[in-house]
C-alpha atoms as a PDB file:
ATOM      1  CA  MET A   1     -23.281 -24.985   7.140  1.00  0.00           C
ATOM      2  CA  GLU A   2     -21.853 -22.194   9.307  1.00  0.00           C
ATOM      3  CA  LEU A   3     -22.072 -18.681   7.870  1.00  0.00           C
ATOM      4  CA  MET A   4     -20.089 -15.480   8.332  1.00  0.00           C
ATOM      5  CA  ARG A   5     -20.367 -11.854   7.243  1.00  0.00           C
ATOM      6  CA  ALA A   6     -18.215 -10.662   4.334  1.00  0.00           C
ATOM      7  CA  ALA A   7     -17.984  -7.603   2.075  1.00  0.00           C
ATOM      8  CA  ARG A   8     -18.267  -8.949  -1.479  1.00  0.00           C
ATOM      9  CA  LEU A   9     -17.565  -7.103  -4.737  1.00  0.00           C
ATOM     10  CA  HIS A  10     -19.676  -8.180  -7.711  1.00  0.00           C
ATOM     11  CA  PHE A  11     -17.623  -7.141 -10.747  1.00  0.00           C
ATOM     12  CA  PRO A  12     -20.352  -7.136 -13.444  1.00  0.00           C
ATOM     13  CA  THR A  13     -22.373  -4.535 -11.511  1.00  0.00           C
ATOM     14  CA  HIS A  14     -19.544  -2.877  -9.522  1.00  0.00           C
ATOM     15  CA  THR A  15     -21.554  -3.309  -6.338  1.00  0.00           C
ATOM     16  CA  LEU A  16     -20.179  -3.997  -2.858  1.00  0.00           C
ATOM     17  CA  THR A  17     -22.516  -5.739  -0.430  1.00  0.00           C
ATOM     18  CA  VAL A  18     -22.018  -7.084   3.084  1.00  0.00           C
ATOM     19  CA  GLU A  19     -23.701 -10.478   3.109  1.00  0.00           C
ATOM     20  CA  ASP A  20     -23.742 -13.934   4.656  1.00  0.00           C
ATOM     21  CA  VAL A  21     -21.396 -16.452   3.020  1.00  0.00           C
ATOM     22  CA  PRO A  22     -20.146 -19.888   4.051  1.00  0.00           C
ATOM     23  CA  LYS A  23     -17.428 -19.771   6.690  1.00  0.00           C
ATOM     24  CA  PRO A  24     -14.306 -21.240   5.047  1.00  0.00           C
ATOM     25  CA  VAL A  25     -12.710 -24.485   6.188  1.00  0.00           C
ATOM     26  CA  PRO A  26      -8.906 -24.765   6.049  1.00  0.00           C
ATOM     27  CA  GLY A  27      -7.548 -27.394   3.693  1.00  0.00           C
ATOM     28  CA  PRO A  28      -4.102 -28.997   3.654  1.00  0.00           C
ATOM     29  CA  GLY A  29      -1.403 -26.429   4.401  1.00  0.00           C
ATOM     30  CA  GLN A  30      -3.931 -23.729   5.292  1.00  0.00           C
ATOM     31  CA  VAL A  31      -4.972 -21.936   8.474  1.00  0.00           C
ATOM     32  CA  LEU A  32      -8.181 -20.111   9.338  1.00  0.00           C
ATOM     33  CA  ILE A  33      -7.847 -16.573  10.686  1.00  0.00           C
ATOM     34  CA  LYS A  34     -10.398 -14.745  12.784  1.00  0.00           C
ATOM     35  CA  VAL A  35      -9.991 -11.292  11.292  1.00  0.00           C
ATOM     36  CA  ALA A  36      -9.312  -8.509  13.786  1.00  0.00           C
ATOM     37  CA  ALA A  37      -8.626  -5.646  11.368  1.00  0.00           C
ATOM     38  CA  ALA A  38      -8.544  -5.055   7.613  1.00  0.00           C
ATOM     39  CA  GLY A  39      -7.308  -1.924   5.852  1.00  0.00           C
ATOM     40  CA  VAL A  40      -9.167  -0.032   3.137  1.00  0.00           C
ATOM     41  CA  CYS A  41      -6.920   0.943   0.217  1.00  0.00           C
ATOM     42  CA  MET A  42      -7.367   3.119  -2.878  1.00  0.00           C
ATOM     43  CA  SER A  43      -6.832  -0.010  -4.975  1.00  0.00           C
ATOM     44  CA  ASP A  44     -10.013  -1.366  -3.348  1.00  0.00           C
ATOM     45  CA  VAL A  45     -11.781   1.807  -4.473  1.00  0.00           C
ATOM     46  CA  HIS A  46     -10.445   1.338  -8.017  1.00  0.00           C
ATOM     47  CA  LEU A  47     -11.528  -2.294  -8.057  1.00  0.00           C
ATOM     48  CA  ILE A  48     -15.043  -1.233  -7.130  1.00  0.00           C
ATOM     49  CA  ASP A  49     -15.254   1.582  -9.699  1.00  0.00           C
ATOM     50  CA  GLY A  50     -13.856  -0.649 -12.432  1.00  0.00           C
ATOM     51  CA  THR A  51     -10.627   1.276 -13.049  1.00  0.00           C
ATOM     52  CA  LEU A  52      -8.487  -1.830 -12.493  1.00  0.00           C
ATOM     53  CA  GLY A  53     -10.722  -4.196 -14.465  1.00  0.00           C
ATOM     54  CA  LEU A  54     -11.433  -7.850 -13.753  1.00  0.00           C
ATOM     55  CA  PRO A  55      -8.573  -9.543 -11.862  1.00  0.00           C
ATOM     56  CA  PRO A  56      -6.697 -11.956 -14.164  1.00  0.00           C
ATOM     57  CA  HIS A  57      -6.622 -14.897 -11.743  1.00  0.00           C
ATOM     58  CA  LEU A  58     -10.100 -14.569 -10.220  1.00  0.00           C
ATOM     59  CA  ARG A  59     -12.330 -17.611 -10.539  1.00  0.00           C
ATOM     60  CA  GLY A  60     -15.855 -16.313 -10.999  1.00  0.00           C
ATOM     61  CA  ASP A  61     -17.036 -12.711 -10.914  1.00  0.00           C
ATOM     62  CA  THR A  62     -17.292 -11.988  -7.170  1.00  0.00           C
ATOM     63  CA  VAL A  63     -14.624 -11.645  -4.489  1.00  0.00           C
ATOM     64  CA  THR A  64     -14.318 -10.715  -0.820  1.00  0.00           C
ATOM     65  CA  LEU A  65     -12.102  -7.634  -0.780  1.00  0.00           C
ATOM     66  CA  GLY A  66      -9.263  -6.912   1.650  1.00  0.00           C
ATOM     67  CA  HIS A  67      -5.516  -7.403   1.177  1.00  0.00           C
ATOM     68  CA  GLU A  68      -4.367  -5.716   4.405  1.00  0.00           C
ATOM     69  CA  VAL A  69      -5.350  -8.131   7.156  1.00  0.00           C
ATOM     70  CA  SER A  70      -4.423  -9.063  10.723  1.00  0.00           C
ATOM     71  CA  GLY A  71      -6.013 -11.435  13.195  1.00  0.00           C
ATOM     72  CA  THR A  72      -5.708 -14.618  15.211  1.00  0.00           C
ATOM     73  CA  ILE A  73      -5.311 -18.209  14.048  1.00  0.00           C
ATOM     74  CA  VAL A  74      -8.382 -20.190  15.143  1.00  0.00           C
ATOM     75  CA  GLU A  75      -8.047 -23.429  13.164  1.00  0.00           C
ATOM     76  CA  LEU A  76      -5.274 -25.416  11.485  1.00  0.00           C
ATOM     77  CA  GLY A  77      -5.726 -27.418   8.330  1.00  0.00           C
ATOM     78  CA  PRO A  78      -4.161 -30.841   7.779  1.00  0.00           C
ATOM     79  CA  GLU A  79      -0.360 -30.976   7.614  1.00  0.00           C
ATOM     80  CA  VAL A  80       0.140 -27.619   9.344  1.00  0.00           C
ATOM     81  CA  THR A  81       2.749 -27.804  12.113  1.00  0.00           C
ATOM     82  CA  ALA A  82       4.510 -24.422  12.042  1.00  0.00           C
ATOM     83  CA  CYS A  83       1.528 -22.416  13.326  1.00  0.00           C
ATOM     84  CA  GLN A  84      -0.475 -22.486  16.542  1.00  0.00           C
ATOM     85  CA  VAL A  85      -4.105 -21.817  17.375  1.00  0.00           C
ATOM     86  CA  GLY A  86      -4.331 -18.509  19.240  1.00  0.00           C
ATOM     87  CA  GLN A  87      -1.290 -17.026  17.495  1.00  0.00           C
ATOM     88  CA  ARG A  88      -1.539 -13.337  16.547  1.00  0.00           C
ATOM     89  CA  VAL A  89      -0.571 -12.799  12.903  1.00  0.00           C
ATOM     90  CA  VAL A  90      -0.549 -10.371  10.003  1.00  0.00           C
ATOM     91  CA  LEU A  91      -1.187 -11.812   6.544  1.00  0.00           C
ATOM     92  CA  GLN A  92       0.997 -11.394   3.499  1.00  0.00           C
ATOM     93  CA  GLY A  93      -0.767  -9.461   0.751  1.00  0.00           C
ATOM     94  CA  GLY A  94      -0.876 -12.532  -1.452  1.00  0.00           C
ATOM     95  CA  ASP A  95      -0.355 -16.273  -1.718  1.00  0.00           C
ATOM     96  CA  ILE A  96       1.556 -18.301  -4.274  1.00  0.00           C
ATOM     97  CA  LYS A  97      -0.879 -20.390  -6.296  1.00  0.00           C
ATOM     98  CA  ASP A  98       0.093 -22.519  -9.290  1.00  0.00           C
ATOM     99  CA  GLY A  99       3.584 -21.031  -9.181  1.00  0.00           C
ATOM    100  CA  GLN A 100       2.354 -17.428  -9.373  1.00  0.00           C
ATOM    101  CA  MET A 101       1.709 -14.765  -6.748  1.00  0.00           C
ATOM    102  CA  HIS A 102      -2.016 -14.079  -6.458  1.00  0.00           C
ATOM    103  CA  THR A 103      -3.220 -10.993  -4.581  1.00  0.00           C
ATOM    104  CA  ARG A 104      -5.474 -11.437  -1.558  1.00  0.00           C
ATOM    105  CA  GLY A 105      -8.819  -9.708  -1.901  1.00  0.00           C
ATOM    106  CA  VAL A 106      -8.293  -9.397  -5.651  1.00  0.00           C
ATOM    107  CA  ASP A 107      -7.509 -12.766  -7.199  1.00  0.00           C
ATOM    108  CA  PHE A 108      -9.062 -14.682  -4.295  1.00  0.00           C
ATOM    109  CA  ASP A 109     -11.124 -13.934  -1.193  1.00  0.00           C
ATOM    110  CA  GLY A 110      -9.557 -11.491   1.233  1.00  0.00           C
ATOM    111  CA  GLY A 111     -10.063 -10.164   4.729  1.00  0.00           C
ATOM    112  CA  TRP A 112     -13.114  -7.901   4.655  1.00  0.00           C
ATOM    113  CA  ALA A 113     -14.867 -10.703   6.501  1.00  0.00           C
ATOM    114  CA  GLU A 114     -15.155 -12.338   9.887  1.00  0.00           C
ATOM    115  CA  TYR A 115     -12.738 -15.105   8.860  1.00  0.00           C
ATOM    116  CA  ALA A 116     -10.103 -15.543   6.163  1.00  0.00           C
ATOM    117  CA  LEU A 117      -8.141 -18.475   4.768  1.00  0.00           C
ATOM    118  CA  VAL A 118      -4.397 -18.240   4.277  1.00  0.00           C
ATOM    119  CA  SER A 119      -1.591 -20.667   3.546  1.00  0.00           C
ATOM    120  CA  ALA A 120       0.539 -21.447   6.578  1.00  0.00           C
ATOM    121  CA  GLY A 121       3.481 -19.800   4.849  1.00  0.00           C
ATOM    122  CA  GLY A 122       1.498 -16.602   4.320  1.00  0.00           C
ATOM    123  CA  VAL A 123       1.226 -15.581   7.976  1.00  0.00           C
ATOM    124  CA  VAL A 124       3.726 -13.423   9.843  1.00  0.00           C
ATOM    125  CA  PRO A 125       3.831 -13.670  13.660  1.00  0.00           C
ATOM    126  CA  LEU A 126       2.695 -10.466  15.335  1.00  0.00           C
ATOM    127  CA  PRO A 127       4.081  -9.379  18.720  1.00  0.00           C
ATOM    128  CA  ASP A 128       1.597  -8.351  21.415  1.00  0.00           C
ATOM    129  CA  SER A 129       3.109  -4.853  21.377  1.00  0.00           C
ATOM    130  CA  ILE A 130       1.659  -4.048  17.923  1.00  0.00           C
ATOM    131  CA  PRO A 131      -2.111  -3.385  17.804  1.00  0.00           C
ATOM    132  CA  PHE A 132      -4.035  -5.317  15.162  1.00  0.00           C
ATOM    133  CA  GLU A 133      -5.235  -2.190  13.348  1.00  0.00           C
ATOM    134  CA  GLN A 134      -1.688  -0.867  12.938  1.00  0.00           C
ATOM    135  CA  ALA A 135      -0.374  -4.275  11.875  1.00  0.00           C
ATOM    136  CA  ALA A 136      -3.083  -4.700   9.238  1.00  0.00           C
ATOM    137  CA  ILE A 137      -1.837  -1.802   7.121  1.00  0.00           C
ATOM    138  CA  ILE A 138       1.780  -2.989   6.969  1.00  0.00           C
ATOM    139  CA  PRO A 139       1.128  -5.205   3.925  1.00  0.00           C
ATOM    140  CA  ASP A 140       0.764  -2.707   1.057  1.00  0.00           C
ATOM    141  CA  ALA A 141       0.325   0.692   2.755  1.00  0.00           C
ATOM    142  CA  VAL A 142       3.803   0.349   4.263  1.00  0.00           C
ATOM    143  CA  SER A 143       5.436  -2.573   2.490  1.00  0.00           C
ATOM    144  CA  THR A 144       4.766  -1.282  -1.044  1.00  0.00           C
ATOM    145  CA  PRO A 145       6.565   2.055  -0.528  1.00  0.00           C
ATOM    146  CA  TRP A 146       9.261   0.216   1.448  1.00  0.00           C
ATOM    147  CA  ASP A 147      10.038  -2.061  -1.490  1.00  0.00           C
ATOM    148  CA  ALA A 148       9.780   0.826  -3.947  1.00  0.00           C
ATOM    149  CA  ILE A 149      12.404   2.678  -1.910  1.00  0.00           C
ATOM    150  CA  VAL A 150      14.879  -0.029  -0.920  1.00  0.00           C
ATOM    151  CA  ARG A 151      14.525  -2.374  -3.904  1.00  0.00           C
ATOM    152  CA  THR A 152      13.227  -0.662  -7.018  1.00  0.00           C
ATOM    153  CA  ALA A 153      14.833   2.738  -6.446  1.00  0.00           C
ATOM    154  CA  ASP A 154      17.748   1.326  -4.422  1.00  0.00           C
ATOM    155  CA  ILE A 155      17.945   4.505  -2.334  1.00  0.00           C
ATOM    156  CA  ARG A 156      21.226   5.137  -0.547  1.00  0.00           C
ATOM    157  CA  PRO A 157      21.736   7.290   2.573  1.00  0.00           C
ATOM    158  CA  GLY A 158      22.156  10.936   1.615  1.00  0.00           C
ATOM    159  CA  GLU A 159      20.363  10.649  -1.720  1.00  0.00           C
ATOM    160  CA  ALA A 160      17.703  13.243  -2.501  1.00  0.00           C
ATOM    161  CA  ALA A 161      14.193  11.905  -3.067  1.00  0.00           C
ATOM    162  CA  GLY A 162      10.825  13.323  -4.040  1.00  0.00           C
ATOM    163  CA  VAL A 163       7.367  11.934  -3.283  1.00  0.00           C
ATOM    164  CA  TRP A 164       4.415  12.941  -5.449  1.00  0.00           C
ATOM    165  CA  GLY A 165       1.044  12.148  -3.870  1.00  0.00           C
ATOM    166  CA  VAL A 166       1.087  12.126  -0.063  1.00  0.00           C
ATOM    167  CA  GLY A 167      -1.838   9.747   0.467  1.00  0.00           C
ATOM    168  CA  GLY A 168      -2.015   6.359   2.149  1.00  0.00           C
ATOM    169  CA  LEU A 169       1.189   5.086   0.506  1.00  0.00           C
ATOM    170  CA  GLY A 170       3.026   8.344  -0.131  1.00  0.00           C
ATOM    171  CA  ILE A 171       2.907   9.472   3.494  1.00  0.00           C
ATOM    172  CA  HIS A 172       4.576   6.235   4.532  1.00  0.00           C
ATOM    173  CA  ALA A 173       7.156   6.750   1.798  1.00  0.00           C
ATOM    174  CA  VAL A 174       8.133  10.037   3.472  1.00  0.00           C
ATOM    175  CA  GLN A 175       8.473   8.260   6.800  1.00  0.00           C
ATOM    176  CA  LEU A 176      10.448   5.367   5.316  1.00  0.00           C
ATOM    177  CA  LEU A 177      12.769   7.624   3.303  1.00  0.00           C
ATOM    178  CA  ARG A 178      13.756   9.286   6.578  1.00  0.00           C
ATOM    179  CA  ALA A 179      14.321   5.866   8.117  1.00  0.00           C
ATOM    180  CA  VAL A 180      16.785   4.847   5.393  1.00  0.00           C
ATOM    181  CA  GLY A 181      18.642   8.179   5.499  1.00  0.00           C
ATOM    182  CA  ALA A 182      17.443   9.926   2.322  1.00  0.00           C
ATOM    183  CA  PHE A 183      18.127  13.673   2.283  1.00  0.00           C
ATOM    184  CA  PRO A 184      16.599  16.001   1.394  1.00  0.00           C
ATOM    185  CA  ILE A 185      13.052  14.636   1.088  1.00  0.00           C
ATOM    186  CA  VAL A 186      10.626  16.625  -1.060  1.00  0.00           C
ATOM    187  CA  ALA A 187       6.867  16.018  -0.777  1.00  0.00           C
ATOM    188  CA  ALA A 188       4.562  17.341  -3.507  1.00  0.00           C
ATOM    189  CA  ASP A 189       0.771  17.399  -3.337  1.00  0.00           C
ATOM    190  CA  PRO A 190      -1.914  19.892  -4.416  1.00  0.00           C
ATOM    191  CA  ALA A 191      -3.929  19.343  -1.206  1.00  0.00           C
ATOM    192  CA  PRO A 192      -2.974  21.597   1.744  1.00  0.00           C
ATOM    193  CA  ALA A 193      -3.967  18.915   4.286  1.00  0.00           C
ATOM    194  CA  ALA A 194      -1.712  16.359   2.589  1.00  0.00           C
ATOM    195  CA  ARG A 195       1.196  18.803   2.549  1.00  0.00           C
ATOM    196  CA  GLU A 196       0.752  19.535   6.245  1.00  0.00           C
ATOM    197  CA  ARG A 197       0.698  15.793   6.924  1.00  0.00           C
ATOM    198  CA  ALA A 198       3.981  15.400   5.022  1.00  0.00           C
ATOM    199  CA  ARG A 199       5.516  18.220   7.035  1.00  0.00           C
ATOM    200  CA  ARG A 200       4.566  16.490  10.284  1.00  0.00           C
ATOM    201  CA  MET A 201       6.097  13.251   9.055  1.00  0.00           C
ATOM    202  CA  GLY A 202       9.427  14.934   8.397  1.00  0.00           C
ATOM    203  CA  ALA A 203       9.608  16.049   4.763  1.00  0.00           C
ATOM    204  CA  ASP A 204      12.355  18.654   4.312  1.00  0.00           C
ATOM    205  CA  LEU A 205      10.478  20.544   1.603  1.00  0.00           C
ATOM    206  CA  VAL A 206       6.707  20.480   1.205  1.00  0.00           C
ATOM    207  CA  VAL A 207       5.417  22.112  -1.954  1.00  0.00           C
ATOM    208  CA  ASP A 208       2.249  22.437  -4.000  1.00  0.00           C
ATOM    209  CA  SER A 209       2.873  20.609  -7.259  1.00  0.00           C
ATOM    210  CA  ALA A 210       1.069  23.472  -9.048  1.00  0.00           C
ATOM    211  CA  ASP A 211       3.388  26.134  -7.607  1.00  0.00           C
ATOM    212  CA  PRO A 212       5.097  27.985 -10.506  1.00  0.00           C
ATOM    213  CA  THR A 213       8.332  28.082  -8.489  1.00  0.00           C
ATOM    214  CA  PHE A 214       8.275  24.293  -7.948  1.00  0.00           C
ATOM    215  CA  ARG A 215      11.435  23.544  -9.929  1.00  0.00           C
ATOM    216  CA  GLU A 216      13.360  26.422  -8.374  1.00  0.00           C
ATOM    217  CA  GLN A 217      12.459  25.267  -4.859  1.00  0.00           C
ATOM    218  CA  VAL A 218      13.585  21.689  -5.532  1.00  0.00           C
ATOM    219  CA  LEU A 219      16.844  22.767  -7.135  1.00  0.00           C
ATOM    220  CA  ASP A 220      17.493  25.153  -4.268  1.00  0.00           C
ATOM    221  CA  ILE A 221      17.101  22.537  -1.528  1.00  0.00           C
ATOM    222  CA  THR A 222      19.260  20.056  -3.507  1.00  0.00           C
ATOM    223  CA  LYS A 223      21.941  22.726  -4.131  1.00  0.00           C
ATOM    224  CA  GLY A 224      21.335  22.542  -7.856  1.00  0.00           C
ATOM    225  CA  SER A 225      21.886  18.793  -8.136  1.00  0.00           C
ATOM    226  CA  GLY A 226      18.269  17.722  -8.492  1.00  0.00           C
ATOM    227  CA  LEU A 227      16.706  14.563  -7.136  1.00  0.00           C
ATOM    228  CA  ASN A 228      18.307  11.140  -7.232  1.00  0.00           C
ATOM    229  CA  ALA A 229      14.885   9.493  -7.205  1.00  0.00           C
ATOM    230  CA  ALA A 230      11.298  10.606  -7.748  1.00  0.00           C
ATOM    231  CA  PHE A 231       8.337   8.468  -6.665  1.00  0.00           C
ATOM    232  CA  ASP A 232       4.949   8.799  -8.333  1.00  0.00           C
ATOM    233  CA  PHE A 233       2.347   7.615  -5.822  1.00  0.00           C
ATOM    234  CA  ALA A 234      -0.400   9.666  -7.468  1.00  0.00           C
ATOM    235  CA  GLY A 235      -0.711   7.742 -10.720  1.00  0.00           C
ATOM    236  CA  VAL A 236      -0.997  11.024 -12.640  1.00  0.00           C
ATOM    237  CA  SER A 237       0.669  11.525 -16.021  1.00  0.00           C
ATOM    238  CA  ALA A 238       1.570  15.158 -15.326  1.00  0.00           C
ATOM    239  CA  VAL A 239       3.720  13.984 -12.420  1.00  0.00           C
ATOM    240  CA  HIS A 240       6.079  12.189 -14.788  1.00  0.00           C
ATOM    241  CA  GLU A 241       6.912  15.300 -16.800  1.00  0.00           C
ATOM    242  CA  GLN A 242       7.308  17.419 -13.683  1.00  0.00           C
ATOM    243  CA  ALA A 243       9.502  14.846 -11.958  1.00  0.00           C
ATOM    244  CA  LEU A 244      11.824  14.660 -14.963  1.00  0.00           C
ATOM    245  CA  THR A 245      12.420  18.420 -14.765  1.00  0.00           C
ATOM    246  CA  VAL A 246      13.898  18.049 -11.269  1.00  0.00           C
ATOM    247  CA  LEU A 247      15.727  14.721 -11.629  1.00  0.00           C
ATOM    248  CA  GLY A 248      19.485  14.978 -11.560  1.00  0.00           C
ATOM    249  CA  PRO A 249      21.797  13.065 -13.919  1.00  0.00           C
ATOM    250  CA  GLY A 250      21.142   9.333 -13.637  1.00  0.00           C
ATOM    251  CA  GLY A 251      17.955   9.997 -11.660  1.00  0.00           C
ATOM    252  CA  ARG A 252      15.304   7.299 -11.294  1.00  0.00           C
ATOM    253  CA  LEU A 253      11.587   7.909 -11.768  1.00  0.00           C
ATOM    254  CA  VAL A 254       9.700   5.144  -9.945  1.00  0.00           C
ATOM    255  CA  LEU A 255       6.064   4.587 -10.906  1.00  0.00           C
ATOM    256  CA  VAL A 256       4.041   3.198  -7.994  1.00  0.00           C
ATOM    257  CA  GLY A 257       0.600   4.737  -8.527  1.00  0.00           C
ATOM    258  CA  LEU A 258      -1.458   2.896 -11.134  1.00  0.00           C
ATOM    259  CA  SER A 259      -3.147   4.931 -13.855  1.00  0.00           C
ATOM    260  CA  GLY A 260      -3.523   2.632 -16.865  1.00  0.00           C
ATOM    261  CA  ARG A 261      -2.504   5.544 -19.116  1.00  0.00           C
ATOM    262  CA  PRO A 262       0.278   5.595 -21.729  1.00  0.00           C
ATOM    263  CA  LEU A 263       3.726   6.810 -20.725  1.00  0.00           C
ATOM    264  CA  ALA A 264       4.931   9.788 -22.777  1.00  0.00           C
ATOM    265  CA  PHE A 265       7.884  12.146 -22.366  1.00  0.00           C
ATOM    266  CA  SER A 266       8.140  15.394 -24.304  1.00  0.00           C
ATOM    267  CA  ASP A 267      11.936  15.552 -24.549  1.00  0.00           C
ATOM    268  CA  SER A 268      13.572  12.193 -25.238  1.00  0.00           C
ATOM    269  CA  THR A 269      16.920  13.855 -26.030  1.00  0.00           C
ATOM    270  CA  THR A 270      17.257  15.347 -22.545  1.00  0.00           C
ATOM    271  CA  PHE A 271      16.035  12.076 -21.076  1.00  0.00           C
ATOM    272  CA  SER A 272      18.852  10.195 -22.812  1.00  0.00           C
ATOM    273  CA  TYR A 273      21.495  12.869 -22.253  1.00  0.00           C
ATOM    274  CA  LEU A 274      20.895  12.883 -18.501  1.00  0.00           C
ATOM    275  CA  LYS A 275      20.657   9.081 -18.450  1.00  0.00           C
ATOM    276  CA  HIS A 276      17.327   9.156 -16.681  1.00  0.00           C
ATOM    277  CA  GLN A 277      15.558   5.913 -15.876  1.00  0.00           C
ATOM    278  CA  VAL A 278      11.913   4.952 -15.456  1.00  0.00           C
ATOM    279  CA  ARG A 279      11.263   1.975 -13.190  1.00  0.00           C
ATOM    280  CA  GLY A 280       7.886   0.353 -12.604  1.00  0.00           C
ATOM    281  CA  HIS A 281       6.993  -0.919  -9.167  1.00  0.00           C
ATOM    282  CA  PHE A 282       4.216  -3.163  -7.897  1.00  0.00           C
ATOM    283  CA  GLY A 283       3.630  -4.942  -4.615  1.00  0.00           C
ATOM    284  CA  THR A 284       6.026  -6.428  -2.110  1.00  0.00           C
ATOM    285  CA  GLU A 285       8.546  -9.223  -1.721  1.00  0.00           C
ATOM    286  CA  LEU A 286       7.645 -11.789   0.924  1.00  0.00           C
ATOM    287  CA  ASP A 287      10.487 -10.864   3.280  1.00  0.00           C
ATOM    288  CA  SER A 288       9.406  -7.228   3.610  1.00  0.00           C
ATOM    289  CA  VAL A 289       6.389  -7.631   5.909  1.00  0.00           C
ATOM    290  CA  PRO A 290       8.275  -9.609   8.607  1.00  0.00           C
ATOM    291  CA  ARG A 291      11.137  -7.124   8.394  1.00  0.00           C
ATOM    292  CA  LEU A 292       8.779  -4.191   8.865  1.00  0.00           C
ATOM    293  CA  VAL A 293       7.040  -5.934  11.774  1.00  0.00           C
ATOM    294  CA  ASP A 294      10.452  -6.285  13.411  1.00  0.00           C
ATOM    295  CA  LEU A 295      11.244  -2.589  12.810  1.00  0.00           C
ATOM    296  CA  VAL A 296       7.961  -1.540  14.424  1.00  0.00           C
ATOM    297  CA  ALA A 297       8.412  -3.926  17.355  1.00  0.00           C
ATOM    298  CA  GLY A 298      11.966  -2.646  17.792  1.00  0.00           C
ATOM    299  CA  GLY A 299      10.829   0.968  17.971  1.00  0.00           C
ATOM    300  CA  ARG A 300      12.445   2.047  14.699  1.00  0.00           C
ATOM    301  CA  LEU A 301       9.106   2.775  12.990  1.00  0.00           C
ATOM    302  CA  ASP A 302       5.797   4.000  14.387  1.00  0.00           C
ATOM    303  CA  PHE A 303       2.531   3.875  12.448  1.00  0.00           C
ATOM    304  CA  SER A 304       0.219   4.795  15.303  1.00  0.00           C
ATOM    305  CA  ALA A 305      -0.785   7.986  13.466  1.00  0.00           C
ATOM    306  CA  SER A 306      -1.602   6.117  10.256  1.00  0.00           C
ATOM    307  CA  VAL A 307      -4.972   4.670  11.282  1.00  0.00           C
ATOM    308  CA  THR A 308      -7.436   7.518  10.903  1.00  0.00           C
ATOM    309  CA  GLU A 309     -10.490   5.581  12.098  1.00  0.00           C
ATOM    310  CA  VAL A 310     -11.736   2.043  12.720  1.00  0.00           C
ATOM    311  CA  LEU A 311     -15.189   1.273  11.290  1.00  0.00           C
ATOM    312  CA  PRO A 312     -17.357  -1.844  11.608  1.00  0.00           C
ATOM    313  CA  LEU A 313     -17.367  -4.245   8.658  1.00  0.00           C
ATOM    314  CA  GLU A 314     -21.020  -3.407   8.017  1.00  0.00           C
ATOM    315  CA  GLN A 315     -19.880   0.110   7.056  1.00  0.00           C
ATOM    316  CA  ALA A 316     -17.505  -1.057   4.323  1.00  0.00           C
ATOM    317  CA  ASN A 317     -19.291   1.075   1.726  1.00  0.00           C
ATOM    318  CA  VAL A 318     -19.039   4.110   4.002  1.00  0.00           C
ATOM    319  CA  ALA A 319     -15.290   3.568   4.357  1.00  0.00           C
ATOM    320  CA  VAL A 320     -14.861   3.223   0.597  1.00  0.00           C
ATOM    321  CA  GLN A 321     -16.810   6.416  -0.056  1.00  0.00           C
ATOM    322  CA  ARG A 322     -14.850   8.359   2.555  1.00  0.00           C
ATOM    323  CA  LEU A 323     -11.548   7.246   1.061  1.00  0.00           C
ATOM    324  CA  HIS A 324     -12.752   8.109  -2.446  1.00  0.00           C
ATOM    325  CA  THR A 325     -13.866  11.627  -1.454  1.00  0.00           C
ATOM    326  CA  LYS A 326     -11.017  12.086   1.044  1.00  0.00           C
ATOM    327  CA  GLU A 327     -13.554  13.038   3.707  1.00  0.00           C
ATOM    328  CA  GLY A 328     -11.636  13.757   6.897  1.00  0.00           C
ATOM    329  CA  ASN A 329      -8.293  13.501   5.038  1.00  0.00           C
ATOM    330  CA  PRO A 330      -7.788   9.818   5.973  1.00  0.00           C
ATOM    331  CA  ILE A 331      -4.445   8.041   5.775  1.00  0.00           C
ATOM    332  CA  ARG A 332      -5.952   4.605   6.344  1.00  0.00           C
ATOM    333  CA  LEU A 333      -9.424   3.549   7.367  1.00  0.00           C
ATOM    334  CA  VAL A 334      -9.638   0.109   8.940  1.00  0.00           C
ATOM    335  CA  LEU A 335     -12.591  -2.289   9.057  1.00  0.00           C
ATOM    336  CA  GLN A 336     -13.276  -4.413  12.121  1.00  0.00           C
ATOM    337  CA  PRO A 337     -15.620  -7.411  11.820  1.00  0.00           C
END
């Protein structure tokens, strides 16, 4: 039996170990990918620390992490005709199993490994012009804020938008809001490095969320109208109350960051009077990743500044710790087998 290296999370003990496991063999309708790059996400950190709990669809108590994956097809399973060996691809963040979408690296083995299995319909062709490490982060780090913006919030050109939490997803939200014509774009974060990053990416107003003049600054840049949409990428309850104070009539509060905490609003009368809305968001529709690949290939989007560092797979725990502590202010760390 041929073996490969993989970073495996053991849920009962919350331990991540890089170990030898059997190299997978593609079954009917599947292809085998030689992994070239795999992103490290805060949801991986929260899986390891137990915040997100045991995945509902996981069989067993151990999984190979990694839902942001790119690589090359090296083997085709039976009945696969639409793919080719040697083809560069980026993987969708999940696969449909038993009629439901299951998340890669959560509900089943992901791409923190030398090889990964994927259904033939779960690969997106990757042009030679896009490096593997930049392509790997498109599922989730880019596609999740993209869907939150264009689908859940339904942002229109000229609408004012605010982003709370300018981390690995929020910084791409700033970039994508500019791409779809939102104006003005407000970025809120308590960390000076994150605010500077948002300024470089084109936010029109960058403000410390703890600034006592926060509301006045937002109302000033929106000419008193307030925001049309506010995006919580931080997963912090205090964000919700603050966002509601600067939402205009009919404004949408979109919850992207996961906290597991109850939702509570102090003034339900004002909420109803202004016809505010709260919309939950999770994940990505299957057409978003290929669309984003096309936008990058066409020069409309550039994520070359998003990959802070590439680390070897053997340093998976180092990458997780650095993301958790924000050492070096990373946007995305990428593992390379």
